[in-house]
Amino acid sequence: MKNRRTARWVKGVAVSAVSAVVCYGIWTSSREWAFGAAAADPDALFGGGFLELLLAGFAGVMSMPLLLWAGMRVLRERGNHLLVIVATMTWIFLGGHVVEEDTGAVPTAVFLALFAAFGGLLSAVRTQGE
């Protein structure tokens, strides 16, 4: 039983780490695209790039629950409701801080590692229905 819980925790850390890196990449690259669109047409409606920037934030946030759920399902883990919901809520603030504030390489790596550890702790909790 203890080995099963440890394996679930390790899977949660791995999936959370990969999801954080992928979502960070999606969010930062889409922000660059949005700023490029704003520079290309600064006189457009809403100041140019507003809708693109909104889409970048949406893609950066909404890809997290999908990646967490799919990653844990690929690793044959069920009952990940707490991980998906709480980690996504955390990612809204943590990812927003890291991406929007442009914190730098070392703080970004630390925040992403902390998110992975937090995801591992959340994955250790099993929900009903398993």
Protein backbone atom coordinates (compact mmCIF):
# COMPACT_ATOMS: atom_id res chain seq x y z
CA MET A 1 0.00 0.00 0.00
CA LYS A 2 2.81 2.42 0.84
CA ASN A 3 4.58 1.71 -2.46
CA ARG A 4 1.35 2.50 -4.31
CA ARG A 5 1.04 5.85 -2.54
CA THR A 6 4.69 6.69 -3.22
CA ALA A 7 4.27 5.80 -6.89
CA ARG A 8 1.19 8.01 -7.12
CA TRP A 9 3.10 10.89 -5.51
CA VAL A 10 6.03 10.48 -7.94
CA LYS A 11 3.62 10.39 -10.88
CA GLY A 12 1.93 13.54 -9.58
CA VAL A 13 5.25 15.38 -9.29
CA ALA A 14 6.28 14.33 -12.80
CA VAL A 15 2.95 15.23 -14.40
CA SER A 16 2.80 18.55 -12.56
CA ALA A 17 6.35 19.43 -13.59
CA VAL A 18 5.76 18.62 -17.25
CA SER A 19 2.41 20.44 -17.23
CA ALA A 20 3.95 23.53 -15.64
CA VAL A 21 6.77 23.68 -18.18
CA VAL A 22 4.41 23.14 -21.13
CA CYS A 23 1.88 25.71 -19.88
CA TYR A 24 4.67 28.19 -19.19
CA GLY A 25 5.91 27.71 -22.73
CA ILE A 26 2.43 28.10 -24.21
CA TRP A 27 1.76 31.23 -22.18
CA THR A 28 5.08 32.96 -22.90
CA SER A 29 5.09 32.15 -26.61
CA SER A 30 1.48 33.31 -27.00
CA ARG A 31 2.32 36.54 -25.18
CA GLU A 32 5.16 37.16 -27.61
CA TRP A 33 2.71 36.55 -30.46
CA ALA A 34 0.25 39.01 -28.88
CA PHE A 35 2.90 41.70 -28.51
CA GLY A 36 3.92 41.12 -32.12
CA ALA A 37 0.31 41.59 -33.20
CA ALA A 38 0.10 44.79 -31.17
CA ALA A 39 3.28 46.14 -32.76
CA ALA A 40 2.06 45.26 -36.25
CA ASP A 41 -1.20 47.22 -35.90
CA PRO A 42 -1.13 49.61 -32.92
CA ASP A 43 -4.20 51.53 -34.12
CA ALA A 44 -6.49 48.50 -34.14
CA LEU A 45 -9.60 48.18 -32.01
CA PHE A 46 -8.83 47.84 -28.26
CA GLY A 47 -5.30 49.14 -28.74
CA GLY A 48 -4.03 46.33 -30.94
CA GLY A 49 -3.15 42.98 -29.48
CA PHE A 50 -5.75 43.13 -26.70
CA LEU A 51 -7.70 40.12 -27.94
CA GLU A 52 -4.48 38.26 -28.67
CA LEU A 53 -3.23 38.95 -25.14
CA LEU A 54 -6.54 37.75 -23.72
CA LEU A 55 -6.28 34.58 -25.80
CA ALA A 56 -2.69 34.05 -24.63
CA GLY A 57 -3.74 34.16 -20.98
CA PHE A 58 -6.69 31.88 -21.64
CA ALA A 59 -4.50 29.32 -23.43
CA GLY A 60 -1.86 29.47 -20.70
CA VAL A 61 -4.40 28.82 -17.95
CA MET A 62 -6.86 26.45 -19.58
CA SER A 63 -4.23 24.06 -20.88
CA MET A 64 -3.24 23.21 -17.28
CA PRO A 65 -6.30 21.14 -16.25
CA LEU A 66 -6.23 19.27 -19.54
CA LEU A 67 -2.54 18.42 -19.20
CA LEU A 68 -2.85 17.37 -15.56
CA TRP A 69 -5.86 15.16 -16.21
CA ALA A 70 -4.44 13.61 -19.38
CA GLY A 71 -1.03 13.03 -17.81
CA MET A 72 -2.43 11.22 -14.80
CA ARG A 73 -4.79 9.17 -16.97
CA VAL A 74 -1.90 8.12 -19.23
CA LEU A 75 -0.10 6.95 -16.09
CA ARG A 76 -3.25 4.99 -15.12
CA GLU A 77 -4.18 7.06 -12.08
CA ARG A 78 -7.81 7.84 -11.33
CA GLY A 79 -9.46 10.14 -8.83
CA ASN A 80 -7.38 13.22 -9.60
CA HIS A 81 -10.11 15.78 -9.04
CA LEU A 82 -8.32 17.59 -6.23
CA LEU A 83 -5.07 17.76 -8.21
CA VAL A 84 -6.75 19.13 -11.32
CA ILE A 85 -8.94 21.72 -9.57
CA VAL A 86 -6.56 23.04 -6.91
CA ALA A 87 -3.46 22.96 -9.10
CA THR A 88 -5.29 24.86 -11.83
CA MET A 89 -6.42 27.51 -9.35
CA THR A 90 -2.85 27.75 -8.09
CA TRP A 91 -1.51 27.99 -11.64
CA ILE A 92 -3.72 31.00 -12.38
CA PHE A 93 -1.84 32.99 -9.74
CA LEU A 94 1.60 31.37 -9.88
CA GLY A 95 1.74 31.17 -13.67
CA GLY A 96 0.37 34.68 -13.96
CA HIS A 97 3.07 35.96 -11.65
CA VAL A 98 5.88 34.12 -13.41
CA VAL A 99 4.77 34.95 -16.95
CA GLU A 100 3.29 38.43 -16.55
CA GLU A 101 5.97 39.76 -14.18
CA ASP A 102 8.84 38.18 -16.17
CA THR A 103 10.59 37.12 -12.96
CA GLY A 104 13.78 35.79 -14.53
CA ALA A 105 15.28 32.33 -15.04
CA VAL A 106 16.12 31.31 -11.46
CA PRO A 107 12.89 32.47 -9.79
CA THR A 108 10.89 30.91 -12.62
CA ALA A 109 12.64 27.57 -12.12
CA VAL A 110 12.03 27.76 -8.36
CA PHE A 111 8.33 28.58 -8.81
CA LEU A 112 7.87 25.76 -11.32
CA ALA A 113 9.64 23.31 -9.00
CA LEU A 114 7.44 24.39 -6.10
CA PHE A 115 4.38 23.92 -8.29
CA ALA A 116 5.55 20.39 -9.16
CA ALA A 117 6.04 19.55 -5.48
CA PHE A 118 2.62 20.98 -4.63
CA GLY A 119 1.09 18.91 -7.44
CA GLY A 120 2.73 15.82 -5.99
CA LEU A 121 1.21 16.51 -2.59
CA LEU A 122 -2.22 17.03 -4.17
CA SER A 123 -1.94 13.84 -6.17
CA ALA A 124 -1.30 11.84 -3.02
CA VAL A 125 -4.87 12.61 -1.92
CA ARG A 126 -7.31 10.17 -3.46
CA THR A 127 -10.89 11.15 -4.11
CA GLN A 128 -13.90 8.87 -3.81
CA GLY A 129 -14.98 6.76 -6.72
CA GLU A 130 -11.71 4.95 -7.30
